[in-house]
């Protein structure tokens, strides 16, 4: 077996049921995050990144180049089929899939904030908005599921009982 075949097998995506059980993301939410990443990459690359590079201001050019690099990273991590001409695309995507949701959130939000700090224009704001939203979606998934109403009602009832016991204990102590 050649080393290229070994790399491909090592980079093969894990079972979706197993990975969603690990991070608690449903299949539709995972696809929502991926689609937001692809759309964010297209906005960064096609719209804002190229438009920022058509200027004479060096900070706008730097922000535009950074935005195009962000688009490449988003495509590489979220949609490796868009980068079929790159040999290591599947390996990078497999490693990105192994990251926790909060790590992806921090990475994507940090990538999207940097060009805005370089050049605060409407183009950089709108171009990076969807890439930032991808990070926010991953961040929300890192928070986990919302609890059910029954468990919240039980916790509230226990706290209420503890408060009543504490209040009656204080009153008994004052009466003596």
Foldseek 3Di string as FASTA:
>chain_A
DDPLVVLCVVLDADDPVVLCVVLVDDPVLLVVLLVLLQVLLCLLAVPQLVVLCPDDDPLSPVLSVLSNVSSVLSCLQRPLVVVPVDSCSSNNNNVSSPDQLLVQLVVQLVSLVVSCVSPVDPSSCVSSVSSNVSSVSSVVSNVPDDDDPVVVVVVVVVVVVVVVVVVVVVVVVVVD
